[in-house]
Amino acid sequence: MAVARVAAQATLRRAARFSGIGLHSGEACSATVAPAPVDSGIRFTLSGRDRPPIPADFRLAKEVPLCTELVDDTTRVQTIEHMMAALFALGVSNCEIALEGGAEVPVLDGSAFEFVDKLSPLVELQDASLPVVRVTRQVVVEDPI
């Protein structure tokens, strides 16, 4: 009999700030990654703009050349893929990411390394399980070519 291990939700002990340039805009920008409560998920905000946070939700992802972009009715954030990869690798499920100087996450060295390096010692487990996704039917992924 197989026993499923249920993973805990996680956040950060304290905020961490990353500064650099936006890959697509070429402008100075920063991202501050801060702790968030259980079940809040990963959410992006644009500092200085009176708009609600945009959740890191695959249904909000738009196809843009060389970039992952989230778009909802009021907000657009770009170049989130390396930050999201780092958060996934570290098991962070709840955090607030405040972007300043534009709607992009800074490119840093062009990888997820600096995000992982700075965030890994800050990860803190929370007293709640991650939601379980149950696959109830076959899913097929194919190359359209």
N, C-alpha and C. Protein backbone atom coordinates (compact mmCIF):
# COMPACT_ATOMS: atom_id res chain seq x y z
N MET A 1 0.84 -1.18 0.00
CA MET A 1 0.00 0.00 0.00
C MET A 1 0.88 1.24 0.00
N ALA A 2 0.59 2.18 -0.91
CA ALA A 2 1.35 3.42 -1.00
C ALA A 2 0.72 4.47 -0.11
N VAL A 3 1.55 5.22 0.58
CA VAL A 3 1.07 6.31 1.43
C VAL A 3 1.54 7.62 0.82
N ALA A 4 0.60 8.52 0.58
CA ALA A 4 0.94 9.82 0.00
C ALA A 4 1.43 10.76 1.09
N ARG A 5 2.52 11.43 0.82
CA ARG A 5 3.03 12.43 1.74
C ARG A 5 2.43 13.78 1.36
N VAL A 6 1.83 14.44 2.28
CA VAL A 6 1.23 15.75 2.02
C VAL A 6 2.24 16.82 2.43
N ALA A 7 2.57 17.68 1.48
CA ALA A 7 3.56 18.73 1.72
C ALA A 7 2.93 19.91 2.46
N ALA A 8 3.76 20.57 3.25
CA ALA A 8 3.31 21.76 3.98
C ALA A 8 3.45 23.00 3.10
N GLN A 9 2.60 23.97 3.36
CA GLN A 9 2.76 25.27 2.72
C GLN A 9 3.99 25.95 3.32
N ALA A 10 4.54 26.92 2.60
CA ALA A 10 5.74 27.61 3.09
C ALA A 10 5.71 29.07 2.65
N THR A 11 6.37 29.89 3.44
CA THR A 11 6.54 31.31 3.14
C THR A 11 7.98 31.68 3.46
N LEU A 12 8.24 32.94 3.72
CA LEU A 12 9.58 33.41 4.08
C LEU A 12 9.56 33.97 5.50
N ARG A 13 10.69 33.88 6.19
CA ARG A 13 10.80 34.45 7.54
C ARG A 13 10.77 35.97 7.52
N ARG A 14 11.35 36.55 6.47
CA ARG A 14 11.40 38.01 6.32
C ARG A 14 11.51 38.34 4.84
N ALA A 15 11.38 39.60 4.52
CA ALA A 15 11.42 40.04 3.13
C ALA A 15 12.84 40.03 2.57
N ALA A 16 12.94 39.88 1.27
CA ALA A 16 14.22 39.98 0.55
C ALA A 16 14.00 40.84 -0.69
N ARG A 17 14.98 41.67 -0.99
CA ARG A 17 14.86 42.61 -2.12
C ARG A 17 15.89 42.28 -3.20
N PHE A 18 15.44 42.37 -4.44
CA PHE A 18 16.30 42.14 -5.61
C PHE A 18 16.21 43.36 -6.51
N SER A 19 17.35 43.89 -6.92
CA SER A 19 17.37 45.07 -7.78
C SER A 19 18.21 44.79 -9.01
N GLY A 20 17.80 45.38 -10.12
CA GLY A 20 18.54 45.20 -11.37
C GLY A 20 17.83 45.96 -12.47
N ILE A 21 17.86 45.37 -13.66
CA ILE A 21 17.17 46.00 -14.79
C ILE A 21 16.10 45.05 -15.32
N GLY A 22 15.12 45.63 -15.97
CA GLY A 22 14.10 44.83 -16.64
C GLY A 22 14.65 44.37 -17.98
N LEU A 23 14.56 43.11 -18.26
CA LEU A 23 15.11 42.54 -19.49
C LEU A 23 14.50 43.20 -20.73
N HIS A 24 13.21 43.43 -20.71
CA HIS A 24 12.54 43.96 -21.90
C HIS A 24 12.48 45.48 -21.92
N SER A 25 12.36 46.11 -20.76
CA SER A 25 12.28 47.57 -20.72
C SER A 25 13.67 48.22 -20.68
N GLY A 26 14.65 47.49 -20.12
CA GLY A 26 15.98 48.07 -19.95
C GLY A 26 16.05 49.08 -18.83
N GLU A 27 14.98 49.21 -18.07
CA GLU A 27 14.92 50.20 -16.99
C GLU A 27 15.22 49.57 -15.63
N ALA A 28 15.72 50.40 -14.70
CA ALA A 28 15.98 49.94 -13.34
C ALA A 28 14.67 49.51 -12.69
N CYS A 29 14.71 48.38 -11.99
CA CYS A 29 13.52 47.89 -11.31
C CYS A 29 13.95 47.03 -10.12
N SER A 30 13.00 46.74 -9.26
CA SER A 30 13.29 45.88 -8.11
C SER A 30 12.07 45.04 -7.78
N ALA A 31 12.32 43.97 -7.05
CA ALA A 31 11.25 43.09 -6.57
C ALA A 31 11.53 42.80 -5.11
N THR A 32 10.56 43.05 -4.26
CA THR A 32 10.67 42.71 -2.84
C THR A 32 9.73 41.54 -2.58
N VAL A 33 10.30 40.42 -2.14
CA VAL A 33 9.55 39.21 -1.86
C VAL A 33 9.34 39.15 -0.35
N ALA A 34 8.07 39.15 0.06
CA ALA A 34 7.74 39.24 1.49
C ALA A 34 6.88 38.06 1.93
N PRO A 35 6.90 37.76 3.23
CA PRO A 35 6.06 36.68 3.76
C PRO A 35 4.58 36.94 3.50
N ALA A 36 3.81 35.86 3.46
CA ALA A 36 2.35 35.96 3.29
C ALA A 36 1.69 34.85 4.11
N PRO A 37 0.45 35.07 4.53
CA PRO A 37 -0.25 34.08 5.34
C PRO A 37 -0.59 32.81 4.56
N VAL A 38 -0.94 31.78 5.31
CA VAL A 38 -1.39 30.51 4.76
C VAL A 38 -2.52 30.75 3.75
N ASP A 39 -2.50 29.97 2.69
CA ASP A 39 -3.54 29.97 1.64
C ASP A 39 -3.63 31.26 0.84
N SER A 40 -2.66 32.15 0.93
CA SER A 40 -2.73 33.38 0.14
C SER A 40 -2.12 33.20 -1.25
N GLY A 41 -1.26 32.21 -1.42
CA GLY A 41 -0.63 31.98 -2.71
C GLY A 41 0.47 32.99 -2.99
N ILE A 42 0.94 32.97 -4.21
CA ILE A 42 1.98 33.91 -4.66
C ILE A 42 1.26 35.02 -5.42
N ARG A 43 1.51 36.27 -5.00
CA ARG A 43 0.82 37.40 -5.61
C ARG A 43 1.80 38.52 -5.90
N PHE A 44 1.58 39.17 -7.02
CA PHE A 44 2.41 40.30 -7.45
C PHE A 44 1.63 41.60 -7.27
N THR A 45 2.34 42.64 -6.82
CA THR A 45 1.76 43.98 -6.75
C THR A 45 2.72 44.95 -7.44
N LEU A 46 2.16 46.03 -7.94
CA LEU A 46 2.98 47.09 -8.54
C LEU A 46 2.99 48.25 -7.56
N SER A 47 4.16 48.54 -7.00
CA SER A 47 4.28 49.61 -6.00
C SER A 47 3.87 50.95 -6.59
N GLY A 48 3.17 51.72 -5.77
CA GLY A 48 2.77 53.05 -6.19
C GLY A 48 1.55 53.08 -7.08
N ARG A 49 0.95 51.93 -7.32
CA ARG A 49 -0.26 51.89 -8.15
C ARG A 49 -1.39 51.31 -7.33
N ASP A 50 -2.52 51.95 -7.40
CA ASP A 50 -3.67 51.52 -6.60
C ASP A 50 -4.44 50.44 -7.36
N ARG A 51 -3.85 49.26 -7.41
CA ARG A 51 -4.46 48.13 -8.11
C ARG A 51 -4.38 46.91 -7.21
N PRO A 52 -5.34 46.01 -7.32
CA PRO A 52 -5.28 44.79 -6.50
C PRO A 52 -4.12 43.90 -6.96
N PRO A 53 -3.63 43.04 -6.07
CA PRO A 53 -2.56 42.11 -6.46
C PRO A 53 -3.03 41.18 -7.58
N ILE A 54 -2.08 40.72 -8.38
CA ILE A 54 -2.38 39.73 -9.41
C ILE A 54 -1.80 38.40 -8.97
N PRO A 55 -2.61 37.36 -8.88
CA PRO A 55 -2.10 36.06 -8.42
C PRO A 55 -1.27 35.38 -9.50
N ALA A 56 -0.30 34.60 -9.07
CA ALA A 56 0.49 33.78 -9.99
C ALA A 56 -0.37 32.57 -10.34
N ASP A 57 -1.21 32.75 -11.34
CA ASP A 57 -2.19 31.75 -11.74
C ASP A 57 -2.00 31.46 -13.22
N PHE A 58 -1.84 30.20 -13.58
CA PHE A 58 -1.57 29.85 -14.97
C PHE A 58 -2.68 30.33 -15.91
N ARG A 59 -3.87 30.51 -15.41
CA ARG A 59 -4.97 30.98 -16.26
C ARG A 59 -4.80 32.44 -16.65
N LEU A 60 -3.91 33.17 -15.98
CA LEU A 60 -3.65 34.57 -16.31
C LEU A 60 -2.41 34.74 -17.19
N ALA A 61 -1.72 33.65 -17.50
CA ALA A 61 -0.51 33.70 -18.33
C ALA A 61 -0.87 33.99 -19.78
N LYS A 62 -0.13 34.90 -20.38
CA LYS A 62 -0.34 35.26 -21.78
C LYS A 62 0.91 34.91 -22.58
N GLU A 63 0.68 34.53 -23.81
CA GLU A 63 1.78 34.17 -24.69
C GLU A 63 2.44 35.44 -25.22
N VAL A 64 3.68 35.65 -24.81
CA VAL A 64 4.46 36.81 -25.22
C VAL A 64 5.85 36.29 -25.61
N PRO A 65 6.42 36.75 -26.71
CA PRO A 65 7.74 36.25 -27.11
C PRO A 65 8.80 36.47 -26.02
N LEU A 66 9.53 35.42 -25.68
CA LEU A 66 10.66 35.47 -24.76
C LEU A 66 10.30 35.97 -23.36
N CYS A 67 9.07 35.72 -22.92
CA CYS A 67 8.66 36.26 -21.63
C CYS A 67 7.42 35.53 -21.14
N THR A 68 7.32 35.37 -19.82
CA THR A 68 6.07 34.92 -19.22
C THR A 68 5.43 36.14 -18.61
N GLU A 69 4.18 36.40 -18.98
CA GLU A 69 3.46 37.59 -18.55
C GLU A 69 2.13 37.16 -17.93
N LEU A 70 1.80 37.77 -16.80
CA LEU A 70 0.49 37.58 -16.19
C LEU A 70 -0.32 38.85 -16.42
N VAL A 71 -1.57 38.66 -16.84
CA VAL A 71 -2.43 39.81 -17.14
C VAL A 71 -3.82 39.54 -16.57
N ASP A 72 -4.34 40.52 -15.82
CA ASP A 72 -5.75 40.46 -15.42
C ASP A 72 -6.41 41.76 -15.87
N ASP A 73 -7.56 42.09 -15.33
CA ASP A 73 -8.30 43.26 -15.78
C ASP A 73 -7.58 44.58 -15.54
N THR A 74 -6.72 44.63 -14.52
CA THR A 74 -6.11 45.92 -14.14
C THR A 74 -4.58 45.91 -14.10
N THR A 75 -3.97 44.74 -14.14
CA THR A 75 -2.53 44.64 -13.88
C THR A 75 -1.85 43.71 -14.87
N ARG A 76 -0.59 44.04 -15.18
CA ARG A 76 0.25 43.20 -16.04
C ARG A 76 1.63 43.13 -15.40
N VAL A 77 2.18 41.92 -15.25
CA VAL A 77 3.55 41.75 -14.76
C VAL A 77 4.29 40.84 -15.73
N GLN A 78 5.58 41.13 -15.93
CA GLN A 78 6.37 40.43 -16.93
C GLN A 78 7.63 39.80 -16.35
N THR A 79 8.16 38.87 -17.12
CA THR A 79 9.46 38.25 -16.88
C THR A 79 9.50 37.62 -15.48
N ILE A 80 8.48 36.84 -15.18
CA ILE A 80 8.35 36.24 -13.85
C ILE A 80 8.94 34.84 -13.77
N GLU A 81 9.36 34.27 -14.91
CA GLU A 81 9.69 32.85 -14.95
C GLU A 81 10.83 32.42 -14.04
N HIS A 82 11.90 33.21 -13.91
CA HIS A 82 13.01 32.80 -13.05
C HIS A 82 12.64 32.92 -11.57
N MET A 83 11.90 33.96 -11.22
CA MET A 83 11.41 34.10 -9.85
C MET A 83 10.49 32.93 -9.50
N MET A 84 9.56 32.62 -10.39
CA MET A 84 8.62 31.53 -10.14
C MET A 84 9.34 30.18 -10.05
N ALA A 85 10.36 29.97 -10.88
CA ALA A 85 11.14 28.72 -10.82
C ALA A 85 11.83 28.60 -9.47
N ALA A 86 12.40 29.70 -8.99
CA ALA A 86 13.08 29.67 -7.69
C ALA A 86 12.10 29.38 -6.56
N LEU A 87 10.95 30.03 -6.58
CA LEU A 87 9.95 29.81 -5.52
C LEU A 87 9.46 28.36 -5.54
N PHE A 88 9.24 27.82 -6.73
CA PHE A 88 8.81 26.42 -6.84
C PHE A 88 9.89 25.48 -6.30
N ALA A 89 11.12 25.70 -6.72
CA ALA A 89 12.23 24.84 -6.29
C ALA A 89 12.40 24.86 -4.77
N LEU A 90 12.13 26.00 -4.16
CA LEU A 90 12.28 26.15 -2.71
C LEU A 90 11.02 25.75 -1.94
N GLY A 91 9.94 25.47 -2.66
CA GLY A 91 8.70 25.07 -2.00
C GLY A 91 7.90 26.21 -1.41
N VAL A 92 8.19 27.43 -1.84
CA VAL A 92 7.46 28.60 -1.32
C VAL A 92 6.10 28.67 -2.01
N SER A 93 5.05 28.61 -1.23
CA SER A 93 3.69 28.62 -1.78
C SER A 93 2.92 29.90 -1.46
N ASN A 94 3.43 30.69 -0.51
CA ASN A 94 2.76 31.92 -0.10
C ASN A 94 3.76 33.05 0.03
N CYS A 95 3.62 34.09 -0.80
CA CYS A 95 4.46 35.29 -0.67
C CYS A 95 3.87 36.41 -1.49
N GLU A 96 4.23 37.62 -1.13
CA GLU A 96 3.84 38.82 -1.86
C GLU A 96 5.09 39.36 -2.55
N ILE A 97 4.99 39.65 -3.83
CA ILE A 97 6.12 40.18 -4.59
C ILE A 97 5.75 41.57 -5.07
N ALA A 98 6.38 42.58 -4.49
CA ALA A 98 6.11 43.98 -4.85
C ALA A 98 7.14 44.42 -5.89
N LEU A 99 6.67 44.81 -7.06
CA LEU A 99 7.55 45.28 -8.13
C LEU A 99 7.58 46.79 -8.11
N GLU A 100 8.79 47.34 -8.22
CA GLU A 100 8.98 48.79 -8.25
C GLU A 100 9.76 49.17 -9.50
N GLY A 101 9.45 50.32 -10.07
CA GLY A 101 10.17 50.81 -11.23
C GLY A 101 9.69 50.21 -12.54
N GLY A 102 8.58 49.54 -12.51
CA GLY A 102 8.03 48.94 -13.71
C GLY A 102 7.28 47.67 -13.38
N ALA A 103 6.86 46.97 -14.41
CA ALA A 103 6.05 45.77 -14.24
C ALA A 103 6.86 44.50 -14.48
N GLU A 104 8.18 44.59 -14.36
CA GLU A 104 9.05 43.44 -14.59
C GLU A 104 9.80 43.03 -13.34
N VAL A 105 10.08 41.73 -13.24
CA VAL A 105 11.01 41.22 -12.23
C VAL A 105 12.40 41.47 -12.80
N PRO A 106 13.35 41.98 -12.01
CA PRO A 106 14.70 42.23 -12.54
C PRO A 106 15.34 40.95 -13.06
N VAL A 107 16.11 41.07 -14.13
CA VAL A 107 16.70 39.90 -14.78
C VAL A 107 17.90 39.34 -14.00
N LEU A 108 18.57 40.16 -13.20
CA LEU A 108 19.74 39.76 -12.42
C LEU A 108 20.78 39.10 -13.34
N ASP A 109 21.20 37.85 -13.05
CA ASP A 109 22.22 37.21 -13.89
C ASP A 109 21.61 36.42 -15.05
N GLY A 110 20.30 36.50 -15.22
CA GLY A 110 19.64 35.80 -16.31
C GLY A 110 19.20 34.39 -15.96
N SER A 111 19.35 34.02 -14.68
CA SER A 111 18.92 32.68 -14.24
C SER A 111 18.14 32.83 -12.93
N ALA A 112 17.82 31.72 -12.31
CA ALA A 112 17.14 31.73 -11.01
C ALA A 112 18.13 31.70 -9.85
N PHE A 113 19.43 31.61 -10.14
CA PHE A 113 20.44 31.40 -9.10
C PHE A 113 20.37 32.43 -7.97
N GLU A 114 20.38 33.71 -8.30
CA GLU A 114 20.41 34.74 -7.25
C GLU A 114 19.14 34.71 -6.39
N PHE A 115 18.00 34.40 -7.00
CA PHE A 115 16.76 34.27 -6.23
C PHE A 115 16.87 33.11 -5.25
N VAL A 116 17.31 31.95 -5.74
CA VAL A 116 17.45 30.76 -4.89
C VAL A 116 18.46 31.03 -3.78
N ASP A 117 19.60 31.60 -4.13
CA ASP A 117 20.68 31.84 -3.17
C ASP A 117 20.22 32.73 -2.01
N LYS A 118 19.50 33.79 -2.31
CA LYS A 118 19.08 34.73 -1.28
C LYS A 118 17.84 34.25 -0.51
N LEU A 119 16.93 33.53 -1.19
CA LEU A 119 15.68 33.12 -0.55
C LEU A 119 15.79 31.81 0.22
N SER A 120 16.69 30.91 -0.18
CA SER A 120 16.72 29.58 0.44
C SER A 120 16.88 29.60 1.95
N PRO A 121 17.72 30.47 2.54
CA PRO A 121 17.80 30.45 4.01
C PRO A 121 16.59 31.08 4.71
N LEU A 122 15.69 31.69 3.94
CA LEU A 122 14.55 32.38 4.53
C LEU A 122 13.26 31.56 4.52
N VAL A 123 13.28 30.39 3.88
CA VAL A 123 12.06 29.59 3.74
C VAL A 123 11.62 29.07 5.10
N GLU A 124 10.31 29.21 5.37
CA GLU A 124 9.74 28.79 6.64
C GLU A 124 8.45 28.02 6.37
N LEU A 125 8.36 26.81 6.92
CA LEU A 125 7.15 26.01 6.76
C LEU A 125 6.01 26.62 7.55
N GLN A 126 4.80 26.45 7.04
CA GLN A 126 3.60 26.95 7.69
C GLN A 126 2.76 25.76 8.16
N ASP A 127 1.90 26.02 9.11
CA ASP A 127 1.10 24.96 9.71
C ASP A 127 -0.17 24.70 8.88
N ALA A 128 0.03 24.29 7.62
CA ALA A 128 -1.08 23.97 6.72
C ALA A 128 -0.54 23.14 5.56
N SER A 129 -1.36 22.24 5.07
CA SER A 129 -0.98 21.40 3.94
C SER A 129 -1.25 22.11 2.63
N LEU A 130 -0.46 21.76 1.63
CA LEU A 130 -0.73 22.25 0.28
C LEU A 130 -2.00 21.59 -0.24
N PRO A 131 -2.75 22.28 -1.06
CA PRO A 131 -3.92 21.65 -1.66
C PRO A 131 -3.49 20.48 -2.55
N VAL A 132 -4.31 19.46 -2.59
CA VAL A 132 -4.01 18.29 -3.41
C VAL A 132 -4.80 18.40 -4.70
N VAL A 133 -4.12 18.20 -5.82
CA VAL A 133 -4.77 18.18 -7.12
C VAL A 133 -4.92 16.73 -7.52
N ARG A 134 -6.14 16.32 -7.73
CA ARG A 134 -6.42 14.94 -8.11
C ARG A 134 -6.72 14.91 -9.60
N VAL A 135 -5.94 14.14 -10.34
CA VAL A 135 -6.15 13.98 -11.78
C VAL A 135 -7.20 12.89 -11.95
N THR A 136 -8.34 13.25 -12.53
CA THR A 136 -9.46 12.32 -12.63
C THR A 136 -9.66 11.75 -14.04
N ARG A 137 -8.89 12.28 -14.99
CA ARG A 137 -8.96 11.74 -16.35
C ARG A 137 -7.61 11.87 -17.00
N GLN A 138 -7.43 11.14 -18.08
CA GLN A 138 -6.15 11.13 -18.78
C GLN A 138 -5.84 12.51 -19.35
N VAL A 139 -4.57 12.92 -19.23
CA VAL A 139 -4.09 14.17 -19.79
C VAL A 139 -2.98 13.83 -20.77
N VAL A 140 -3.07 14.35 -21.98
CA VAL A 140 -2.07 14.09 -23.01
C VAL A 140 -1.46 15.42 -23.44
N VAL A 141 -0.13 15.47 -23.48
CA VAL A 141 0.58 16.64 -23.94
C VAL A 141 1.38 16.20 -25.17
N GLU A 142 1.16 16.90 -26.28
CA GLU A 142 1.83 16.54 -27.53
C GLU A 142 2.46 17.76 -28.18
N ASP A 143 3.48 17.51 -28.94
CA ASP A 143 4.09 18.54 -29.76
C ASP A 143 3.22 18.70 -31.01
N PRO A 144 2.72 19.89 -31.29
CA PRO A 144 1.80 20.06 -32.42
C PRO A 144 2.46 19.88 -33.79
N ILE A 145 3.75 19.76 -33.83
CA ILE A 145 4.46 19.62 -35.11
C ILE A 145 4.47 18.17 -35.55
